Amino acid sequence: MLRMSSTATNTVNVRQNLKVILDKLSEIYNETPETSRAVKTPRLVAVSKTKPKEMVIEAYEAGQRHFGENYPQELKEKSSDPEMLEKCPDIKWHFTGTVQSGNISKLVKSPNLSMVETISSSKQADKFQGSCKSNKVSGLGVMVQVSCFVFNR
């Protein structure tokens, strides 16, 4: 995940940092043998938590579309911000943190929410499903956390 440095406060730095990361991602992907690599290049989710909306807009203008937030309130504020909505119409928000049951409905109402990473219980999945249904939200992607234990005999 791209972490936008707080020292990268101008467009050139955000653009340069994004290009370096995307070039490295592409290089690694292309160097991986076809038999063991993904069908397409992995998607970069730029983690924008605690970063000002201006940096998000700069990265968006440089071509980045997927952004991650791990605080429900910060996601709600950024995704509902009139300037963000105007300047970043195709932005895809990913929620990457842990959410309390009481905040699920607020989270689901966030404009351009594309993915919830991760749902860790069936109770949480039911609440997300119910909230999506009652708020007429469709197509929300989710990742489910699965814990597996292997016992040696």
Protein backbone atom coordinates (compact mmCIF):
# COMPACT_ATOMS: atom_id res chain seq x y z
CA MET A 1 0.00 0.00 0.00
CA LEU A 2 1.16 3.50 -0.78
CA ARG A 3 1.63 5.60 2.29
CA MET A 4 1.66 9.25 1.37
CA SER A 5 4.52 10.89 3.20
CA SER A 6 3.67 14.04 5.08
CA THR A 7 6.82 15.57 3.59
CA ALA A 8 5.37 15.07 0.11
CA THR A 9 3.32 18.22 0.20
CA ASN A 10 3.57 19.34 -3.40
CA THR A 11 2.24 17.86 -6.60
CA VAL A 12 5.68 16.92 -7.92
CA ASN A 13 6.49 14.77 -4.87
CA VAL A 14 3.12 13.01 -4.83
CA ARG A 15 3.34 12.36 -8.58
CA GLN A 16 6.97 11.21 -8.33
CA ASN A 17 6.31 8.93 -5.36
CA LEU A 18 3.30 7.40 -7.06
CA LYS A 19 5.25 6.82 -10.28
CA VAL A 20 8.16 5.17 -8.41
CA ILE A 21 5.80 2.80 -6.60
CA LEU A 22 3.79 1.92 -9.72
CA ASP A 23 6.97 1.35 -11.74
CA LYS A 24 8.33 -0.96 -9.01
CA LEU A 25 5.03 -2.84 -8.83
CA SER A 26 5.04 -3.31 -12.61
CA GLU A 27 8.69 -4.38 -12.61
CA ILE A 28 8.12 -7.02 -9.94
CA TYR A 29 5.01 -8.27 -11.71
CA ASN A 30 6.79 -8.55 -15.06
CA GLU A 31 9.81 -10.30 -13.53
CA THR A 32 7.64 -12.95 -11.88
CA PRO A 33 7.36 -16.14 -13.96
CA GLU A 34 4.01 -16.35 -15.74
CA THR A 35 3.25 -19.68 -14.09
CA SER A 36 3.29 -18.15 -10.62
CA ARG A 37 1.99 -14.61 -11.06
CA ALA A 38 -1.48 -13.12 -10.97
CA VAL A 39 -3.42 -12.81 -14.22
CA LYS A 40 -3.18 -9.02 -14.07
CA THR A 41 -1.03 -6.49 -12.23
CA PRO A 42 -2.15 -6.05 -8.61
CA ARG A 43 -4.14 -2.92 -7.81
CA LEU A 44 -2.47 -0.27 -5.70
CA VAL A 45 -4.54 1.08 -2.81
CA ALA A 46 -3.03 4.35 -1.57
CA VAL A 47 -3.51 4.59 2.18
CA SER A 48 -4.51 8.18 2.80
CA LYS A 49 -5.28 8.06 6.51
CA THR A 50 -4.36 11.23 8.37
CA LYS A 51 -3.35 12.91 5.09
CA PRO A 52 -5.00 16.11 3.94
CA LYS A 53 -7.53 15.96 1.13
CA GLU A 54 -5.17 18.05 -1.02
CA MET A 55 -2.72 15.14 -1.15
CA VAL A 56 -5.50 12.74 -2.10
CA ILE A 57 -6.59 15.09 -4.88
CA GLU A 58 -2.99 15.35 -6.12
CA ALA A 59 -2.62 11.57 -6.24
CA TYR A 60 -6.01 11.29 -7.96
CA GLU A 61 -4.92 13.85 -10.58
CA ALA A 62 -1.79 11.72 -11.11
CA GLY A 63 -3.99 8.72 -11.96
CA GLN A 64 -4.51 6.96 -8.62
CA ARG A 65 -8.12 5.89 -8.09
CA HIS A 66 -8.17 3.52 -5.09
CA PHE A 67 -7.63 5.00 -1.63
CA GLY A 68 -7.78 3.37 1.79
CA GLU A 69 -8.93 4.79 5.09
CA ASN A 70 -9.03 2.94 8.39
CA TYR A 71 -11.01 5.38 10.51
CA PRO A 72 -14.76 5.47 9.76
CA GLN A 73 -15.08 9.17 10.62
CA GLU A 74 -12.13 10.19 8.40
CA LEU A 75 -13.53 8.15 5.51
CA LYS A 76 -16.94 9.75 5.95
CA GLU A 77 -15.45 13.26 6.03
CA LYS A 78 -13.21 12.79 2.98
CA SER A 79 -15.73 10.87 0.90
CA SER A 80 -18.48 13.44 1.58
CA ASP A 81 -16.31 16.53 1.11
CA PRO A 82 -17.77 18.68 -1.72
CA GLU A 83 -14.34 19.44 -3.20
CA MET A 84 -13.38 15.76 -3.19
CA LEU A 85 -16.68 14.81 -4.82
CA GLU A 86 -16.16 17.43 -7.52
CA LYS A 87 -12.47 16.82 -8.24
CA CYS A 88 -12.39 13.04 -7.75
CA PRO A 89 -15.62 11.67 -9.29
CA ASP A 90 -14.20 8.19 -9.99
CA ILE A 91 -12.46 7.69 -6.64
CA LYS A 92 -12.86 4.24 -5.06
CA TRP A 93 -12.69 4.20 -1.28
CA HIS A 94 -11.51 1.12 0.62
CA PHE A 95 -12.18 0.83 4.33
CA THR A 96 -9.15 -0.96 5.76
CA GLY A 97 -9.76 -0.76 9.48
CA THR A 98 -11.85 -2.39 12.15
CA VAL A 99 -15.38 -1.10 12.42
CA GLN A 100 -17.67 -1.22 15.43
CA SER A 101 -21.18 -2.50 14.78
CA GLY A 102 -22.71 0.91 15.51
CA ASN A 103 -20.65 2.54 12.74
CA ILE A 104 -21.49 0.09 9.95
CA SER A 105 -24.52 2.04 8.71
CA LYS A 106 -22.52 5.31 8.66
CA LEU A 107 -19.72 3.60 6.79
CA VAL A 108 -22.03 2.07 4.18
CA LYS A 109 -23.45 5.54 3.44
CA SER A 110 -20.00 6.90 2.50
CA PRO A 111 -20.00 8.06 -1.14
CA ASN A 112 -17.91 5.92 -3.50
CA LEU A 113 -17.22 3.20 -0.92
CA SER A 114 -15.92 0.34 -3.05
CA MET A 115 -14.46 -2.21 -0.65
CA VAL A 116 -14.51 -3.18 3.00
CA GLU A 117 -11.30 -4.91 4.10
CA THR A 118 -12.07 -7.01 6.21
CA ILE A 119 -15.14 -8.50 7.74
CA SER A 120 -14.10 -10.76 10.56
CA SER A 121 -17.34 -12.38 11.75
CA SER A 122 -20.66 -13.62 10.43
CA LYS A 123 -22.39 -11.16 12.77
CA GLN A 124 -20.54 -8.30 11.11
CA ALA A 125 -21.32 -9.67 7.64
CA ASP A 126 -25.03 -9.79 8.52
CA LYS A 127 -24.94 -6.19 9.74
CA PHE A 128 -23.20 -5.03 6.56
CA GLN A 129 -25.69 -6.93 4.42
CA GLY A 130 -28.66 -5.48 6.31
CA SER A 131 -27.25 -1.96 6.18
CA CYS A 132 -26.53 -2.23 2.45
CA LYS A 133 -30.06 -3.44 1.84
CA SER A 134 -31.74 -0.73 3.94
CA ASN A 135 -29.58 2.00 2.37
CA LYS A 136 -30.02 0.63 -1.18
CA VAL A 137 -26.27 0.08 -1.61
CA SER A 138 -25.32 -2.60 -4.12
CA GLY A 139 -22.00 -3.88 -5.37
CA LEU A 140 -19.98 -3.22 -2.23
CA GLY A 141 -16.93 -5.47 -2.29
CA VAL A 142 -15.86 -7.19 0.90
CA MET A 143 -12.92 -9.24 2.00
CA VAL A 144 -13.53 -11.88 4.62
CA GLN A 145 -10.92 -12.70 7.22
CA VAL A 146 -10.52 -16.44 7.71
CA SER A 147 -8.43 -17.84 10.52
CA CYS A 148 -7.07 -21.33 10.02
CA PHE A 149 -5.29 -23.40 12.58
CA VAL A 150 -3.04 -26.31 11.72
CA PHE A 151 -2.25 -28.74 14.50
CA ASN A 152 0.78 -30.96 14.26
CA ARG A 153 0.35 -34.46 15.56
